Amino acid sequence: MAIRIRPAKCEDAEFLAWNMLTASRGHLRRGIWDVIVGADEAGCLEYLKRLALTEPRSLCHYVNCLVAEVNDRPAAAICGFEMGAGGWTTFAEAMSNVHKDLGWTEADLTALRQRLVPVWSCFMPEIGADWRIYYVATIVEYSRRGLANLLVNEMIREGI
């Protein structure tokens, strides 16, 4: 089994979308992205794929991610991002660009705000130049092989 950790590329956007959705769900059927997007799985994946590619570069942008490959196949991923001042603002701007790309209406945005009311308290506040790890997930067939551990360790090295 050949394992390689590498920076994500724009071509990884679909895999990164799966990673973000899966990591947000954990062991549950639905996660924060299901709530935010308010769509079926295909709709959530399309939204997250666009978020991985859109500017400005937010915590979900592919340049902030690493991919673990097993035998040249993506098997796990992780995102790390220095929030710094304006991190959530940048994230909101990236999301807004995705909303525009997908043609979300004012009614869609109002529904989004209503869905988010119960979860706003779950978001960590901006405290300055903090660096965070987000979205760690492994394809089930590759679990228990240490991929998440390798990704976390590499992301920590990059974040120092």
C-alpha atoms as a PDB file:
ATOM      1  CA  MET A   1       0.000   0.000   0.000  1.00  0.00           C
ATOM      2  CA  ALA A   2       1.681   3.189  -1.218  1.00  0.00           C
ATOM      3  CA  ILE A   3       0.577   6.240   0.807  1.00  0.00           C
ATOM      4  CA  ARG A   4       1.327   9.772  -0.321  1.00  0.00           C
ATOM      5  CA  ILE A   5       0.316  13.045   1.347  1.00  0.00           C
ATOM      6  CA  ARG A   6       0.079  15.948  -1.088  1.00  0.00           C
ATOM      7  CA  PRO A   7      -1.437  19.404  -1.397  1.00  0.00           C
ATOM      8  CA  ALA A   8      -4.927  19.345  -2.863  1.00  0.00           C
ATOM      9  CA  LYS A   9      -5.406  20.498  -6.449  1.00  0.00           C
ATOM     10  CA  CYS A  10      -8.429  22.065  -8.127  1.00  0.00           C
ATOM     11  CA  GLU A  11      -9.057  18.658  -9.730  1.00  0.00           C
ATOM     12  CA  ASP A  12      -9.727  17.333  -6.200  1.00  0.00           C
ATOM     13  CA  ALA A  13     -12.782  19.570  -5.723  1.00  0.00           C
ATOM     14  CA  GLU A  14     -15.309  16.694  -5.920  1.00  0.00           C
ATOM     15  CA  PHE A  15     -13.336  14.621  -3.424  1.00  0.00           C
ATOM     16  CA  LEU A  16     -12.935  17.623  -1.126  1.00  0.00           C
ATOM     17  CA  ALA A  17     -16.687  18.228  -1.306  1.00  0.00           C
ATOM     18  CA  TRP A  18     -17.250  14.632  -0.192  1.00  0.00           C
ATOM     19  CA  ASN A  19     -14.655  15.135   2.549  1.00  0.00           C
ATOM     20  CA  MET A  20     -16.295  18.301   3.914  1.00  0.00           C
ATOM     21  CA  LEU A  21     -19.776  16.806   3.853  1.00  0.00           C
ATOM     22  CA  THR A  22     -18.668  13.531   5.439  1.00  0.00           C
ATOM     23  CA  ALA A  23     -16.573  15.215   8.123  1.00  0.00           C
ATOM     24  CA  SER A  24     -19.416  17.572   8.991  1.00  0.00           C
ATOM     25  CA  ARG A  25     -21.732  14.617   9.534  1.00  0.00           C
ATOM     26  CA  GLY A  26     -19.401  12.544  11.683  1.00  0.00           C
ATOM     27  CA  HIS A  27     -21.473   9.570  12.793  1.00  0.00           C
ATOM     28  CA  LEU A  28     -24.779  11.355  12.136  1.00  0.00           C
ATOM     29  CA  ARG A  29     -27.042  11.208   9.094  1.00  0.00           C
ATOM     30  CA  ARG A  30     -26.912  14.998   8.647  1.00  0.00           C
ATOM     31  CA  GLY A  31     -24.309  17.637   9.416  1.00  0.00           C
ATOM     32  CA  ILE A  32     -23.866  21.388   9.326  1.00  0.00           C
ATOM     33  CA  TRP A  33     -23.548  21.473   5.524  1.00  0.00           C
ATOM     34  CA  ASP A  34     -26.868  19.686   5.159  1.00  0.00           C
ATOM     35  CA  VAL A  35     -28.376  22.448   7.299  1.00  0.00           C
ATOM     36  CA  ILE A  36     -26.592  25.293   5.506  1.00  0.00           C
ATOM     37  CA  VAL A  37     -27.296  24.126   1.963  1.00  0.00           C
ATOM     38  CA  GLY A  38     -30.753  22.715   2.670  1.00  0.00           C
ATOM     39  CA  ALA A  39     -30.571  20.323  -0.269  1.00  0.00           C
ATOM     40  CA  ASP A  40     -30.199  16.614  -0.933  1.00  0.00           C
ATOM     41  CA  GLU A  41     -26.753  15.014  -0.966  1.00  0.00           C
ATOM     42  CA  ALA A  42     -26.106  15.853  -4.627  1.00  0.00           C
ATOM     43  CA  GLY A  43     -27.017  19.490  -3.977  1.00  0.00           C
ATOM     44  CA  CYS A  44     -24.744  19.659  -0.933  1.00  0.00           C
ATOM     45  CA  LEU A  45     -21.859  18.121  -2.873  1.00  0.00           C
ATOM     46  CA  GLU A  46     -22.283  20.560  -5.755  1.00  0.00           C
ATOM     47  CA  TYR A  47     -22.338  23.499  -3.323  1.00  0.00           C
ATOM     48  CA  LEU A  48     -19.202  22.289  -1.532  1.00  0.00           C
ATOM     49  CA  LYS A  49     -17.373  21.567  -4.788  1.00  0.00           C
ATOM     50  CA  ARG A  50     -17.977  25.153  -5.838  1.00  0.00           C
ATOM     51  CA  LEU A  51     -16.916  26.404  -2.402  1.00  0.00           C
ATOM     52  CA  ALA A  52     -13.642  24.475  -2.758  1.00  0.00           C
ATOM     53  CA  LEU A  53     -12.955  26.349  -6.001  1.00  0.00           C
ATOM     54  CA  THR A  54     -14.379  29.835  -5.436  1.00  0.00           C
ATOM     55  CA  GLU A  55     -12.608  33.024  -4.469  1.00  0.00           C
ATOM     56  CA  PRO A  56     -11.812  34.417  -2.045  1.00  0.00           C
ATOM     57  CA  ARG A  57      -9.832  31.556  -0.589  1.00  0.00           C
ATOM     58  CA  SER A  58     -11.736  30.559   2.525  1.00  0.00           C
ATOM     59  CA  LEU A  59     -11.272  27.680   4.942  1.00  0.00           C
ATOM     60  CA  CYS A  60     -12.936  25.407   2.353  1.00  0.00           C
ATOM     61  CA  HIS A  61     -10.741  26.378  -0.590  1.00  0.00           C
ATOM     62  CA  TYR A  62      -8.680  23.547  -2.045  1.00  0.00           C
ATOM     63  CA  VAL A  63      -5.377  25.400  -1.492  1.00  0.00           C
ATOM     64  CA  ASN A  64      -5.934  24.964   2.250  1.00  0.00           C
ATOM     65  CA  CYS A  65      -6.303  21.190   2.039  1.00  0.00           C
ATOM     66  CA  LEU A  66      -4.123  18.111   1.958  1.00  0.00           C
ATOM     67  CA  VAL A  67      -5.040  14.785   0.378  1.00  0.00           C
ATOM     68  CA  ALA A  68      -3.844  11.336   1.395  1.00  0.00           C
ATOM     69  CA  GLU A  69      -3.611   9.029  -1.571  1.00  0.00           C
ATOM     70  CA  VAL A  70      -3.416   5.253  -1.388  1.00  0.00           C
ATOM     71  CA  ASN A  71      -2.017   3.724  -4.551  1.00  0.00           C
ATOM     72  CA  ASP A  72      -2.586   7.049  -6.370  1.00  0.00           C
ATOM     73  CA  ARG A  73      -6.268   7.231  -5.322  1.00  0.00           C
ATOM     74  CA  PRO A  74      -7.584   9.940  -2.945  1.00  0.00           C
ATOM     75  CA  ALA A  75      -8.488   8.197   0.310  1.00  0.00           C
ATOM     76  CA  ALA A  76      -8.620  10.953   2.953  1.00  0.00           C
ATOM     77  CA  ALA A  77      -8.347  14.722   3.239  1.00  0.00           C
ATOM     78  CA  ILE A  78      -7.984  17.566   5.715  1.00  0.00           C
ATOM     79  CA  CYS A  79      -8.273  21.363   5.603  1.00  0.00           C
ATOM     80  CA  GLY A  80      -6.298  23.864   7.660  1.00  0.00           C
ATOM     81  CA  PHE A  81      -6.766  27.599   7.653  1.00  0.00           C
ATOM     82  CA  GLU A  82      -5.387  30.626   9.431  1.00  0.00           C
ATOM     83  CA  MET A  83      -8.549  32.496  10.313  1.00  0.00           C
ATOM     84  CA  GLY A  84      -6.883  35.764  11.290  1.00  0.00           C
ATOM     85  CA  ALA A  85      -8.832  38.971  11.258  1.00  0.00           C
ATOM     86  CA  GLY A  86     -11.692  38.709   8.800  1.00  0.00           C
ATOM     87  CA  GLY A  87     -11.622  34.914   8.422  1.00  0.00           C
ATOM     88  CA  TRP A  88     -15.366  34.504   8.875  1.00  0.00           C
ATOM     89  CA  THR A  89     -15.951  37.530   6.630  1.00  0.00           C
ATOM     90  CA  THR A  90     -13.858  35.887   3.908  1.00  0.00           C
ATOM     91  CA  PHE A  91     -15.800  32.669   4.399  1.00  0.00           C
ATOM     92  CA  ALA A  92     -19.114  34.538   4.112  1.00  0.00           C
ATOM     93  CA  GLU A  93     -17.912  36.248   0.929  1.00  0.00           C
ATOM     94  CA  ALA A  94     -16.921  32.899  -0.606  1.00  0.00           C
ATOM     95  CA  MET A  95     -20.309  31.438   0.330  1.00  0.00           C
ATOM     96  CA  SER A  96     -22.032  34.480  -1.172  1.00  0.00           C
ATOM     97  CA  ASN A  97     -20.164  33.892  -4.438  1.00  0.00           C
ATOM     98  CA  VAL A  98     -21.361  30.273  -4.479  1.00  0.00           C
ATOM     99  CA  HIS A  99     -24.926  31.446  -3.829  1.00  0.00           C
ATOM    100  CA  LYS A 100     -24.667  33.783  -6.821  1.00  0.00           C
ATOM    101  CA  ASP A 101     -23.172  31.037  -9.014  1.00  0.00           C
ATOM    102  CA  LEU A 102     -26.023  28.701  -8.087  1.00  0.00           C
ATOM    103  CA  GLY A 103     -28.635  31.394  -8.664  1.00  0.00           C
ATOM    104  CA  TRP A 104     -29.918  31.496  -5.100  1.00  0.00           C
ATOM    105  CA  THR A 105     -32.802  33.920  -4.689  1.00  0.00           C
ATOM    106  CA  GLU A 106     -33.525  36.232  -1.769  1.00  0.00           C
ATOM    107  CA  ALA A 107     -36.045  33.626  -0.591  1.00  0.00           C
ATOM    108  CA  ASP A 108     -33.266  30.984  -0.631  1.00  0.00           C
ATOM    109  CA  LEU A 109     -31.028  33.266   1.440  1.00  0.00           C
ATOM    110  CA  THR A 110     -33.823  33.995   3.920  1.00  0.00           C
ATOM    111  CA  ALA A 111     -34.406  30.253   4.321  1.00  0.00           C
ATOM    112  CA  LEU A 112     -30.655  29.792   4.880  1.00  0.00           C
ATOM    113  CA  ARG A 113     -30.625  32.408   7.645  1.00  0.00           C
ATOM    114  CA  GLN A 114     -33.603  30.727   9.308  1.00  0.00           C
ATOM    115  CA  ARG A 115     -31.930  27.303   9.152  1.00  0.00           C
ATOM    116  CA  LEU A 116     -28.790  28.740  10.768  1.00  0.00           C
ATOM    117  CA  VAL A 117     -30.455  30.385  13.779  1.00  0.00           C
ATOM    118  CA  PRO A 118     -30.144  27.294  16.022  1.00  0.00           C
ATOM    119  CA  VAL A 119     -26.509  26.609  15.070  1.00  0.00           C
ATOM    120  CA  TRP A 120     -24.850  30.059  15.214  1.00  0.00           C
ATOM    121  CA  SER A 121     -23.653  29.397  18.754  1.00  0.00           C
ATOM    122  CA  CYS A 122     -21.656  26.385  17.488  1.00  0.00           C
ATOM    123  CA  PHE A 123     -19.249  28.526  15.482  1.00  0.00           C
ATOM    124  CA  MET A 124     -15.966  29.464  17.133  1.00  0.00           C
ATOM    125  CA  PRO A 125     -15.478  33.223  17.438  1.00  0.00           C
ATOM    126  CA  GLU A 126     -12.690  35.065  15.664  1.00  0.00           C
ATOM    127  CA  ILE A 127      -9.928  35.776  18.140  1.00  0.00           C
ATOM    128  CA  GLY A 128      -7.211  37.026  15.849  1.00  0.00           C
ATOM    129  CA  ALA A 129      -4.444  35.111  14.129  1.00  0.00           C
ATOM    130  CA  ASP A 130      -5.640  31.644  15.054  1.00  0.00           C
ATOM    131  CA  TRP A 131      -5.038  28.628  12.874  1.00  0.00           C
ATOM    132  CA  ARG A 132      -7.557  25.802  12.723  1.00  0.00           C
ATOM    133  CA  ILE A 133      -7.944  22.317  11.318  1.00  0.00           C
ATOM    134  CA  TYR A 134     -11.221  21.496   9.592  1.00  0.00           C
ATOM    135  CA  TYR A 135     -12.800  18.586   7.799  1.00  0.00           C
ATOM    136  CA  VAL A 136     -10.868  15.381   8.373  1.00  0.00           C
ATOM    137  CA  ALA A 137     -12.444  12.304   6.771  1.00  0.00           C
ATOM    138  CA  THR A 138     -11.318   8.979   5.324  1.00  0.00           C
ATOM    139  CA  ILE A 139     -13.073   6.716   2.817  1.00  0.00           C
ATOM    140  CA  VAL A 140     -14.345   3.734   4.818  1.00  0.00           C
ATOM    141  CA  GLU A 141     -12.338   1.146   2.896  1.00  0.00           C
ATOM    142  CA  TYR A 142      -9.137   2.968   3.939  1.00  0.00           C
ATOM    143  CA  SER A 143     -10.019   3.526   7.582  1.00  0.00           C
ATOM    144  CA  ARG A 144      -7.795   2.237  10.384  1.00  0.00           C
ATOM    145  CA  ARG A 145      -4.649   2.705   8.280  1.00  0.00           C
ATOM    146  CA  GLY A 146      -3.393   5.871   9.988  1.00  0.00           C
ATOM    147  CA  LEU A 147      -4.283   8.258   7.172  1.00  0.00           C
ATOM    148  CA  ALA A 148      -6.033  10.813   9.397  1.00  0.00           C
ATOM    149  CA  ASN A 149      -3.076  10.767  11.781  1.00  0.00           C
ATOM    150  CA  LEU A 150      -0.645  11.367   8.903  1.00  0.00           C
ATOM    151  CA  LEU A 151      -2.794  14.218   7.594  1.00  0.00           C
ATOM    152  CA  VAL A 152      -3.143  15.895  10.995  1.00  0.00           C
ATOM    153  CA  ASN A 153       0.598  15.671  11.642  1.00  0.00           C
ATOM    154  CA  GLU A 154       1.442  17.079   8.213  1.00  0.00           C
ATOM    155  CA  MET A 155      -1.124  19.877   8.554  1.00  0.00           C
ATOM    156  CA  ILE A 156       0.305  20.810  11.948  1.00  0.00           C
ATOM    157  CA  ARG A 157       3.812  20.935  10.429  1.00  0.00           C
ATOM    158  CA  GLU A 158       2.528  23.221   7.676  1.00  0.00           C
ATOM    159  CA  GLY A 159       0.638  25.416  10.121  1.00  0.00           C
ATOM    160  CA  ILE A 160       3.585  26.088  12.404  1.00  0.00           C
END
